[in-house]
């Protein structure tokens, strides 16, 4: 699972946070890939001199750091941690990833300050990341969504519903009505789940049929095309389905939201007969 620390220019706060997190997570045996980026600025800049020096005091090495601007790919990180609420709001406006958080105490920008200012900033980051590490022990990965052009409109309706329900999600596209190939988006969602970046996914195409076929090519994915709440509940309880497939040109937004809620609320029964049958599927 990726965890991305975000500041403005990616030369001060976020690289210090990422370096501290790698050390703290290793000590606590947390398995996260730690990255950093900036909402503004340019790619390829080194960490500021005082950031490098403050890091040295904590036995952290920022000498090889090169800044990177926040990209669409990085927006799909499993967890995004921002330095301020302003950064968080800016990312949430993209409607791509709602699994975005800010530290309990915002981290002021030390840019242009003395080494002492940078050291104080890193000290605050250490305290905040220690707290974050404890919370991450019980972290539940977000829901991941994908669609082709035929499912785009319904996916947007579901995103609105998830936002109202405060359900974290990551949207892997498509992001318009322009024609695309549904297997590409099935592959994206299934890869996220198989890599442990998400537990469950939702895929939408025109009928839901094509994208469900594409998803079920992946070993470890159990994608179920559902058009009613009864099927959505039983596919979780009996089949341990981890991907819900829907037809954007078949279902209304209200019924689709109800099906999704049912799918997310239901749990696998763990009965021997169902475990046996899943074992036969592989």
Protein backbone atom coordinates (compact mmCIF):
# COMPACT_ATOMS: atom_id res chain seq x y z
CA UNK A 1 0.00 0.00 0.00
CA UNK A 2 1.29 3.46 -0.92
CA UNK A 3 1.17 6.37 1.50
CA UNK A 4 1.83 9.79 0.01
CA UNK A 5 2.86 12.89 1.99
CA UNK A 6 1.95 16.15 0.29
CA UNK A 7 3.09 19.73 0.85
CA UNK A 8 3.43 22.63 -1.58
CA UNK A 9 6.81 22.38 -3.31
CA UNK A 10 8.02 18.96 -2.12
CA UNK A 11 11.35 20.35 -0.96
CA UNK A 12 10.77 20.81 2.79
CA UNK A 13 7.89 19.31 4.78
CA UNK A 14 6.79 16.33 2.70
CA UNK A 15 10.30 14.92 2.06
CA UNK A 16 11.10 15.27 5.77
CA UNK A 17 7.78 13.56 6.59
CA UNK A 18 8.47 10.74 4.15
CA UNK A 19 11.95 10.13 5.50
CA UNK A 20 10.68 10.12 9.09
CA UNK A 21 7.79 7.81 8.18
CA UNK A 22 10.09 5.26 6.52
CA UNK A 23 12.13 5.06 9.71
CA UNK A 24 9.16 4.95 12.09
CA UNK A 25 7.21 2.45 9.96
CA UNK A 26 10.24 0.16 9.77
CA UNK A 27 10.59 0.25 13.56
CA UNK A 28 6.88 -0.58 13.96
CA UNK A 29 6.95 -3.21 11.17
CA UNK A 30 4.35 -1.40 9.05
CA UNK A 31 4.50 -2.39 5.39
CA UNK A 32 3.85 0.82 3.43
CA UNK A 33 5.57 2.26 0.37
CA UNK A 34 6.22 5.88 1.37
CA UNK A 35 6.22 8.66 -1.24
CA UNK A 36 6.07 12.46 -1.25
CA UNK A 37 4.93 15.15 -3.67
CA UNK A 38 3.98 18.82 -3.92
CA UNK A 39 0.78 20.45 -5.13
CA UNK A 40 2.85 23.16 -6.85
CA UNK A 41 6.46 23.68 -7.85
CA UNK A 42 8.57 21.78 -10.33
CA UNK A 43 9.93 18.28 -10.74
CA UNK A 44 13.57 17.51 -9.97
CA UNK A 45 14.47 20.07 -7.30
CA UNK A 46 16.59 18.95 -4.34
CA UNK A 47 15.44 19.17 -0.76
CA UNK A 48 16.19 22.56 0.76
CA UNK A 49 19.54 22.88 2.50
CA UNK A 50 18.05 23.26 5.98
CA UNK A 51 15.71 20.31 5.40
CA UNK A 52 18.75 18.15 4.61
CA UNK A 53 20.58 19.42 7.69
CA UNK A 54 17.60 18.97 10.01
CA UNK A 55 17.17 15.44 8.71
CA UNK A 56 20.82 14.64 9.42
CA UNK A 57 20.24 15.45 13.08
CA UNK A 58 17.69 12.61 13.10
CA UNK A 59 19.98 10.32 11.08
CA UNK A 60 17.79 10.71 8.00
CA UNK A 61 19.25 11.20 4.53
CA UNK A 62 17.57 13.61 2.11
CA UNK A 63 20.65 14.18 -0.07
CA UNK A 64 19.23 12.23 -3.02
CA UNK A 65 15.70 13.68 -2.87
CA UNK A 66 14.22 15.12 -6.06
CA UNK A 67 10.90 16.93 -5.91
CA UNK A 68 7.87 15.77 -7.88
CA UNK A 69 4.64 17.57 -8.64
CA UNK A 70 1.42 15.82 -7.64
CA UNK A 71 0.31 13.82 -10.71
CA UNK A 72 -2.79 11.84 -11.64
CA UNK A 73 -0.88 8.63 -10.90
CA UNK A 74 0.12 9.84 -7.43
CA UNK A 75 -3.47 10.89 -6.72
CA UNK A 76 -4.31 7.17 -6.77
CA UNK A 77 -2.09 6.45 -3.76
CA UNK A 78 -3.81 4.35 -1.10
CA UNK A 79 -3.52 7.06 1.57
CA UNK A 80 -2.67 10.73 1.14
CA UNK A 81 -1.49 12.78 4.12
CA UNK A 82 -1.32 16.55 3.67
CA UNK A 83 0.50 19.15 5.71
CA UNK A 84 -2.48 21.53 5.86
CA UNK A 85 -6.24 21.49 5.42
CA UNK A 86 -5.78 23.72 2.35
CA UNK A 87 -3.74 21.00 0.65
CA UNK A 88 -6.41 18.45 1.57
CA UNK A 89 -9.24 20.53 0.12
CA UNK A 90 -7.26 21.06 -3.07
CA UNK A 91 -6.85 17.31 -3.55
CA UNK A 92 -10.47 16.51 -2.68
CA UNK A 93 -11.60 18.87 -5.44
CA UNK A 94 -10.20 16.41 -7.99
CA UNK A 95 -12.89 13.88 -6.93
CA UNK A 96 -10.36 11.09 -7.59
CA UNK A 97 -9.40 10.05 -4.05
CA UNK A 98 -11.21 10.80 -0.80
CA UNK A 99 -8.77 8.83 1.33
CA UNK A 100 -7.02 12.12 2.15
CA UNK A 101 -6.14 13.27 5.66
CA UNK A 102 -4.36 16.10 7.44
CA UNK A 103 -2.30 15.79 10.58
CA UNK A 104 -4.15 16.67 13.80
CA UNK A 105 -1.89 19.72 14.06
CA UNK A 106 -1.18 21.44 10.73
CA UNK A 107 2.49 21.67 9.80
CA UNK A 108 3.50 25.25 8.93
CA UNK A 109 5.84 25.76 5.98
CA UNK A 110 9.43 26.31 7.21
CA UNK A 111 10.60 27.52 3.78
CA UNK A 112 13.09 30.36 4.14
CA UNK A 113 13.45 29.81 7.87
CA UNK A 114 16.50 29.02 9.96
CA UNK A 115 17.80 25.54 10.70
CA UNK A 116 16.09 25.82 14.08
CA UNK A 117 12.73 26.38 12.34
CA UNK A 118 13.29 23.30 10.19
CA UNK A 119 14.29 21.24 13.21
CA UNK A 120 11.10 22.28 15.03
CA UNK A 121 9.09 21.35 11.94
CA UNK A 122 10.66 17.90 11.79
CA UNK A 123 10.05 17.42 15.51
CA UNK A 124 6.32 18.13 14.93
CA UNK A 125 6.31 15.72 12.02
CA UNK A 126 7.85 12.98 14.18
CA UNK A 127 5.13 13.37 16.82
CA UNK A 128 2.38 13.37 14.20
CA UNK A 129 3.77 10.37 12.31
CA UNK A 130 4.14 8.36 15.52
CA UNK A 131 0.40 8.89 16.10
CA UNK A 132 -0.32 8.09 12.46
CA UNK A 133 1.60 4.83 12.69
CA UNK A 134 -0.56 3.67 15.58
CA UNK A 135 -3.73 4.43 13.59
CA UNK A 136 -2.44 2.65 10.49
CA UNK A 137 -2.34 -0.66 12.34
CA UNK A 138 -6.13 -0.81 11.94
CA UNK A 139 -6.33 0.86 8.54
CA UNK A 140 -9.01 -0.43 6.16
CA UNK A 141 -8.16 0.21 2.48
CA UNK A 142 -10.69 2.30 0.56
CA UNK A 143 -13.18 1.22 -2.07
CA UNK A 144 -11.82 1.46 -5.63
CA UNK A 145 -13.97 2.30 -8.64
CA UNK A 146 -13.59 2.08 -12.40
CA UNK A 147 -15.74 2.35 -15.50
CA UNK A 148 -15.68 2.74 -19.24
CA UNK A 149 -17.59 5.50 -21.06
CA UNK A 150 -20.83 3.51 -20.89
CA UNK A 151 -20.63 3.37 -17.10
CA UNK A 152 -19.22 6.85 -16.52
CA UNK A 153 -22.47 8.61 -15.68
CA UNK A 154 -23.62 5.96 -13.19
CA UNK A 155 -20.17 5.86 -11.61
CA UNK A 156 -20.38 9.61 -11.01
CA UNK A 157 -23.76 9.13 -9.34
CA UNK A 158 -22.25 6.44 -7.10
CA UNK A 159 -19.33 8.74 -6.27
CA UNK A 160 -21.81 11.41 -5.17
CA UNK A 161 -23.54 8.80 -3.00
CA UNK A 162 -20.28 7.61 -1.44
CA UNK A 163 -19.25 11.19 -0.73
CA UNK A 164 -22.55 11.85 1.06
CA UNK A 165 -22.03 8.66 3.10
CA UNK A 166 -18.39 9.57 3.93
CA UNK A 167 -17.16 6.31 2.41
CA UNK A 168 -13.50 6.62 1.28
CA UNK A 169 -12.92 5.72 -2.35
CA UNK A 170 -10.38 5.95 -5.15
CA UNK A 171 -11.62 6.56 -8.69
CA UNK A 172 -9.37 5.00 -11.34
CA UNK A 173 -11.31 6.43 -14.29
CA UNK A 174 -12.49 6.89 -16.86
CA UNK A 175 -13.09 10.57 -16.23
CA UNK A 176 -15.31 11.51 -19.18
CA UNK A 177 -17.78 10.13 -21.72
CA UNK A 178 -15.05 9.70 -24.33
CA UNK A 179 -14.88 6.15 -25.71
CA UNK A 180 -12.42 3.84 -23.92
CA UNK A 181 -11.89 0.08 -23.58
CA UNK A 182 -13.53 -1.53 -20.55
CA UNK A 183 -10.84 -4.24 -20.06
CA UNK A 184 -8.30 -1.51 -19.23
CA UNK A 185 -10.39 -0.27 -16.31
CA UNK A 186 -11.22 -3.77 -15.12
CA UNK A 187 -7.48 -4.45 -15.04
CA UNK A 188 -6.77 -1.27 -13.06
CA UNK A 189 -9.34 -2.02 -10.37
CA UNK A 190 -8.40 -5.70 -10.09
CA UNK A 191 -4.70 -4.84 -9.81
CA UNK A 192 -5.42 -2.48 -6.91
CA UNK A 193 -7.27 -5.23 -5.06
CA UNK A 194 -4.70 -7.95 -5.78
CA UNK A 195 -1.88 -5.64 -4.66
CA UNK A 196 -3.65 -4.99 -1.34
CA UNK A 197 -4.39 -1.32 -2.08
CA UNK A 198 -8.14 -1.95 -1.81
CA UNK A 199 -10.37 -4.68 -0.41
CA UNK A 200 -13.40 -4.27 -2.68
CA UNK A 201 -14.08 -2.67 -6.02
CA UNK A 202 -16.90 -1.45 -8.22
CA UNK A 203 -16.85 -1.68 -12.02
CA UNK A 204 -19.41 -0.17 -14.36
CA UNK A 205 -19.86 -0.50 -18.11
CA UNK A 206 -22.96 -0.20 -20.29
CA UNK A 207 -24.48 -3.52 -19.25
CA UNK A 208 -21.94 -4.62 -16.64
CA UNK A 209 -21.40 -7.83 -18.63
CA UNK A 210 -18.20 -7.03 -20.50
CA UNK A 211 -16.41 -5.49 -17.55
CA UNK A 212 -17.37 -8.43 -15.29
CA UNK A 213 -15.95 -10.90 -17.81
CA UNK A 214 -12.73 -8.89 -18.00
CA UNK A 215 -12.45 -8.71 -14.20
CA UNK A 216 -12.94 -12.44 -13.70
CA UNK A 217 -9.91 -13.21 -15.84
CA UNK A 218 -7.82 -12.25 -12.80
CA UNK A 219 -7.10 -15.08 -10.37
CA UNK A 220 -8.23 -13.97 -6.91
CA UNK A 221 -10.96 -11.70 -8.24
CA UNK A 222 -14.57 -12.73 -7.80
CA UNK A 223 -16.60 -10.18 -9.76
CA UNK A 224 -20.38 -10.35 -9.59
CA UNK A 225 -22.79 -8.60 -11.93
CA UNK A 226 -25.80 -7.60 -9.83
CA UNK A 227 -29.07 -5.96 -10.77
CA UNK A 228 -30.86 -6.33 -7.42
CA UNK A 229 -30.08 -6.09 -3.71
CA UNK A 230 -30.75 -9.78 -3.04
CA UNK A 231 -28.00 -10.84 -5.44
CA UNK A 232 -25.67 -8.20 -3.99
CA UNK A 233 -26.12 -9.55 -0.47
CA UNK A 234 -25.81 -13.23 -1.37
CA UNK A 235 -22.79 -12.79 -3.59
CA UNK A 236 -20.98 -11.43 -0.54
CA UNK A 237 -22.37 -13.99 1.93
CA UNK A 238 -21.97 -17.06 -0.32
CA UNK A 239 -19.36 -16.17 -2.96
CA UNK A 240 -17.16 -13.71 -1.05
CA UNK A 241 -17.30 -11.48 -4.13
CA UNK A 242 -14.77 -8.66 -3.99
CA UNK A 243 -15.88 -6.72 -7.06
CA UNK A 244 -19.40 -5.47 -7.76
CA UNK A 245 -20.26 -4.97 -11.44
CA UNK A 246 -23.13 -2.76 -12.56
CA UNK A 247 -24.75 -1.76 -15.83
CA UNK A 248 -24.77 1.98 -16.39
CA UNK A 249 -27.39 1.74 -19.12
CA UNK A 250 -29.48 -0.80 -17.22
CA UNK A 251 -29.82 0.55 -13.67
CA UNK A 252 -31.14 3.80 -12.27
CA UNK A 253 -28.93 5.70 -9.83
CA UNK A 254 -31.21 5.03 -6.84
CA UNK A 255 -31.28 1.26 -7.26
CA UNK A 256 -27.56 1.15 -8.05
CA UNK A 257 -26.77 3.01 -4.81
CA UNK A 258 -28.96 0.59 -2.86
CA UNK A 259 -27.19 -2.38 -4.46
CA UNK A 260 -23.81 -0.85 -3.62
CA UNK A 261 -24.79 -0.21 0.01
CA UNK A 262 -25.96 -3.81 0.35
CA UNK A 263 -22.76 -5.14 -1.19
CA UNK A 264 -20.60 -3.08 1.18
CA UNK A 265 -22.61 -3.98 4.28
CA UNK A 266 -22.72 -7.76 3.73
CA UNK A 267 -19.96 -10.11 4.89
CA UNK A 268 -18.88 -13.57 3.82
CA UNK A 269 -20.54 -16.28 5.94
CA UNK A 270 -17.42 -18.50 6.27
CA UNK A 271 -19.64 -21.60 6.21
CA UNK A 272 -17.81 -24.79 5.29
CA UNK A 273 -19.92 -25.44 2.19
CA UNK A 274 -19.15 -22.00 0.77
CA UNK A 275 -15.46 -22.28 1.63
CA UNK A 276 -15.39 -25.65 -0.15
CA UNK A 277 -17.00 -24.26 -3.27
CA UNK A 278 -14.69 -21.26 -3.37
CA UNK A 279 -11.78 -23.65 -3.07
CA UNK A 280 -13.06 -25.42 -6.20
CA UNK A 281 -13.04 -22.12 -8.08
CA UNK A 282 -9.47 -21.33 -7.05
